[in-house]
């Protein structure tokens, strides 16, 4: 069976985390990606649920637009953003 190469881009930290996890499972990145791809082809779908981020829902976007308009009109209160490391 002929093989081919693919190139993908991903966050460096994500790649390192995945490599550590795959190594713990006795796999390398190529084998893990091949397993994923075979599951996609076999099941004819992504083999896990994918859902949209609720931040981008129309309801939330409407709420954000109203909050911005209120702030620009001098109503409401702006809060400082607190960043959390994941």
C-alpha atoms as a PDB file:
ATOM      1  CA  UNK A   1       0.000   0.000   0.000  1.00  0.00           C
ATOM      2  CA  UNK A   2       1.414   3.389  -1.000  1.00  0.00           C
ATOM      3  CA  UNK A   3       1.698   6.070   1.657  1.00  0.00           C
ATOM      4  CA  UNK A   4       1.720   9.846   1.442  1.00  0.00           C
ATOM      5  CA  UNK A   5       2.687  12.708   3.713  1.00  0.00           C
ATOM      6  CA  UNK A   6       0.471  15.451   5.078  1.00  0.00           C
ATOM      7  CA  UNK A   7       1.405  18.659   6.860  1.00  0.00           C
ATOM      8  CA  UNK A   8      -0.799  20.167   9.550  1.00  0.00           C
ATOM      9  CA  UNK A   9      -0.428  23.199  11.759  1.00  0.00           C
ATOM     10  CA  UNK A  10      -1.448  23.272  15.408  1.00  0.00           C
ATOM     11  CA  UNK A  11      -0.577  25.046  18.610  1.00  0.00           C
ATOM     12  CA  UNK A  12       2.862  23.932  19.793  1.00  0.00           C
ATOM     13  CA  UNK A  13       1.689  23.289  23.355  1.00  0.00           C
ATOM     14  CA  UNK A  14      -1.266  21.215  22.133  1.00  0.00           C
ATOM     15  CA  UNK A  15       1.095  19.105  20.005  1.00  0.00           C
ATOM     16  CA  UNK A  16       3.398  18.488  22.981  1.00  0.00           C
ATOM     17  CA  UNK A  17       0.467  17.499  25.205  1.00  0.00           C
ATOM     18  CA  UNK A  18      -0.869  15.140  22.539  1.00  0.00           C
ATOM     19  CA  UNK A  19       2.548  13.552  22.004  1.00  0.00           C
ATOM     20  CA  UNK A  20       2.884  12.882  25.750  1.00  0.00           C
ATOM     21  CA  UNK A  21      -0.593  11.337  25.904  1.00  0.00           C
ATOM     22  CA  UNK A  22      -0.050   9.246  22.766  1.00  0.00           C
ATOM     23  CA  UNK A  23       3.309   8.056  24.123  1.00  0.00           C
ATOM     24  CA  UNK A  24       1.577   6.944  27.332  1.00  0.00           C
ATOM     25  CA  UNK A  25      -0.765   4.914  25.089  1.00  0.00           C
ATOM     26  CA  UNK A  26       2.141   3.417  23.141  1.00  0.00           C
ATOM     27  CA  UNK A  27       1.328   5.477  20.041  1.00  0.00           C
ATOM     28  CA  UNK A  28       3.065   8.163  18.048  1.00  0.00           C
ATOM     29  CA  UNK A  29       1.426  11.145  16.358  1.00  0.00           C
ATOM     30  CA  UNK A  30       1.302   9.434  12.946  1.00  0.00           C
ATOM     31  CA  UNK A  31      -0.423   6.339  14.321  1.00  0.00           C
ATOM     32  CA  UNK A  32      -2.916   8.393  16.347  1.00  0.00           C
ATOM     33  CA  UNK A  33      -3.842  10.602  13.366  1.00  0.00           C
ATOM     34  CA  UNK A  34      -4.127   7.512  11.157  1.00  0.00           C
ATOM     35  CA  UNK A  35      -6.458   5.875  13.716  1.00  0.00           C
ATOM     36  CA  UNK A  36      -8.604   9.020  13.809  1.00  0.00           C
ATOM     37  CA  UNK A  37      -8.768   9.181  10.005  1.00  0.00           C
ATOM     38  CA  UNK A  38      -9.684   5.501   9.711  1.00  0.00           C
ATOM     39  CA  UNK A  39     -12.494   5.989  12.259  1.00  0.00           C
ATOM     40  CA  UNK A  40     -13.806   8.979  10.260  1.00  0.00           C
ATOM     41  CA  UNK A  41     -13.816   6.953   7.029  1.00  0.00           C
ATOM     42  CA  UNK A  42     -15.286   3.832   8.662  1.00  0.00           C
ATOM     43  CA  UNK A  43     -18.096   5.733  10.449  1.00  0.00           C
ATOM     44  CA  UNK A  44     -18.542   8.328   7.705  1.00  0.00           C
ATOM     45  CA  UNK A  45     -18.538  11.046  10.381  1.00  0.00           C
ATOM     46  CA  UNK A  46     -16.341  12.671  12.998  1.00  0.00           C
ATOM     47  CA  UNK A  47     -16.227   9.996  15.727  1.00  0.00           C
ATOM     48  CA  UNK A  48     -17.190  12.390  18.523  1.00  0.00           C
ATOM     49  CA  UNK A  49     -19.708  15.163  19.054  1.00  0.00           C
ATOM     50  CA  UNK A  50     -18.782  18.628  17.837  1.00  0.00           C
ATOM     51  CA  UNK A  51     -20.852  21.569  18.986  1.00  0.00           C
ATOM     52  CA  UNK A  52     -20.685  25.280  18.422  1.00  0.00           C
ATOM     53  CA  UNK A  53     -19.315  27.559  21.100  1.00  0.00           C
ATOM     54  CA  UNK A  54     -22.372  29.164  22.770  1.00  0.00           C
ATOM     55  CA  UNK A  55     -20.485  32.476  22.812  1.00  0.00           C
ATOM     56  CA  UNK A  56     -21.235  32.817  19.095  1.00  0.00           C
ATOM     57  CA  UNK A  57     -24.955  31.983  19.357  1.00  0.00           C
ATOM     58  CA  UNK A  58     -27.295  34.614  17.960  1.00  0.00           C
ATOM     59  CA  UNK A  59     -28.885  35.075  21.392  1.00  0.00           C
ATOM     60  CA  UNK A  60     -25.536  35.827  23.050  1.00  0.00           C
ATOM     61  CA  UNK A  61     -24.419  38.094  20.193  1.00  0.00           C
ATOM     62  CA  UNK A  62     -27.680  40.063  20.571  1.00  0.00           C
ATOM     63  CA  UNK A  63     -27.029  40.376  24.317  1.00  0.00           C
ATOM     64  CA  UNK A  64     -23.460  41.575  23.688  1.00  0.00           C
ATOM     65  CA  UNK A  65     -24.551  44.138  21.073  1.00  0.00           C
ATOM     66  CA  UNK A  66     -27.141  45.523  23.522  1.00  0.00           C
ATOM     67  CA  UNK A  67     -24.573  45.668  26.340  1.00  0.00           C
ATOM     68  CA  UNK A  68     -22.123  47.529  24.083  1.00  0.00           C
ATOM     69  CA  UNK A  69     -24.824  49.967  22.998  1.00  0.00           C
ATOM     70  CA  UNK A  70     -25.767  50.554  26.651  1.00  0.00           C
ATOM     71  CA  UNK A  71     -22.138  51.221  27.586  1.00  0.00           C
ATOM     72  CA  UNK A  72     -21.691  53.582  24.657  1.00  0.00           C
ATOM     73  CA  UNK A  73     -24.858  55.429  25.756  1.00  0.00           C
ATOM     74  CA  UNK A  74     -23.456  55.804  29.275  1.00  0.00           C
ATOM     75  CA  UNK A  75     -25.691  53.131  30.808  1.00  0.00           C
ATOM     76  CA  UNK A  76     -24.429  50.063  32.586  1.00  0.00           C
ATOM     77  CA  UNK A  77     -21.056  49.321  34.082  1.00  0.00           C
ATOM     78  CA  UNK A  78     -17.831  48.089  32.517  1.00  0.00           C
ATOM     79  CA  UNK A  79     -15.878  45.451  34.424  1.00  0.00           C
ATOM     80  CA  UNK A  80     -12.232  44.552  34.081  1.00  0.00           C
ATOM     81  CA  UNK A  81     -11.440  41.303  32.324  1.00  0.00           C
ATOM     82  CA  UNK A  82      -9.886  38.644  34.519  1.00  0.00           C
ATOM     83  CA  UNK A  83      -7.649  36.298  32.553  1.00  0.00           C
ATOM     84  CA  UNK A  84      -7.353  32.709  33.720  1.00  0.00           C
ATOM     85  CA  UNK A  85      -4.564  30.380  32.613  1.00  0.00           C
ATOM     86  CA  UNK A  86      -5.838  27.006  31.485  1.00  0.00           C
END
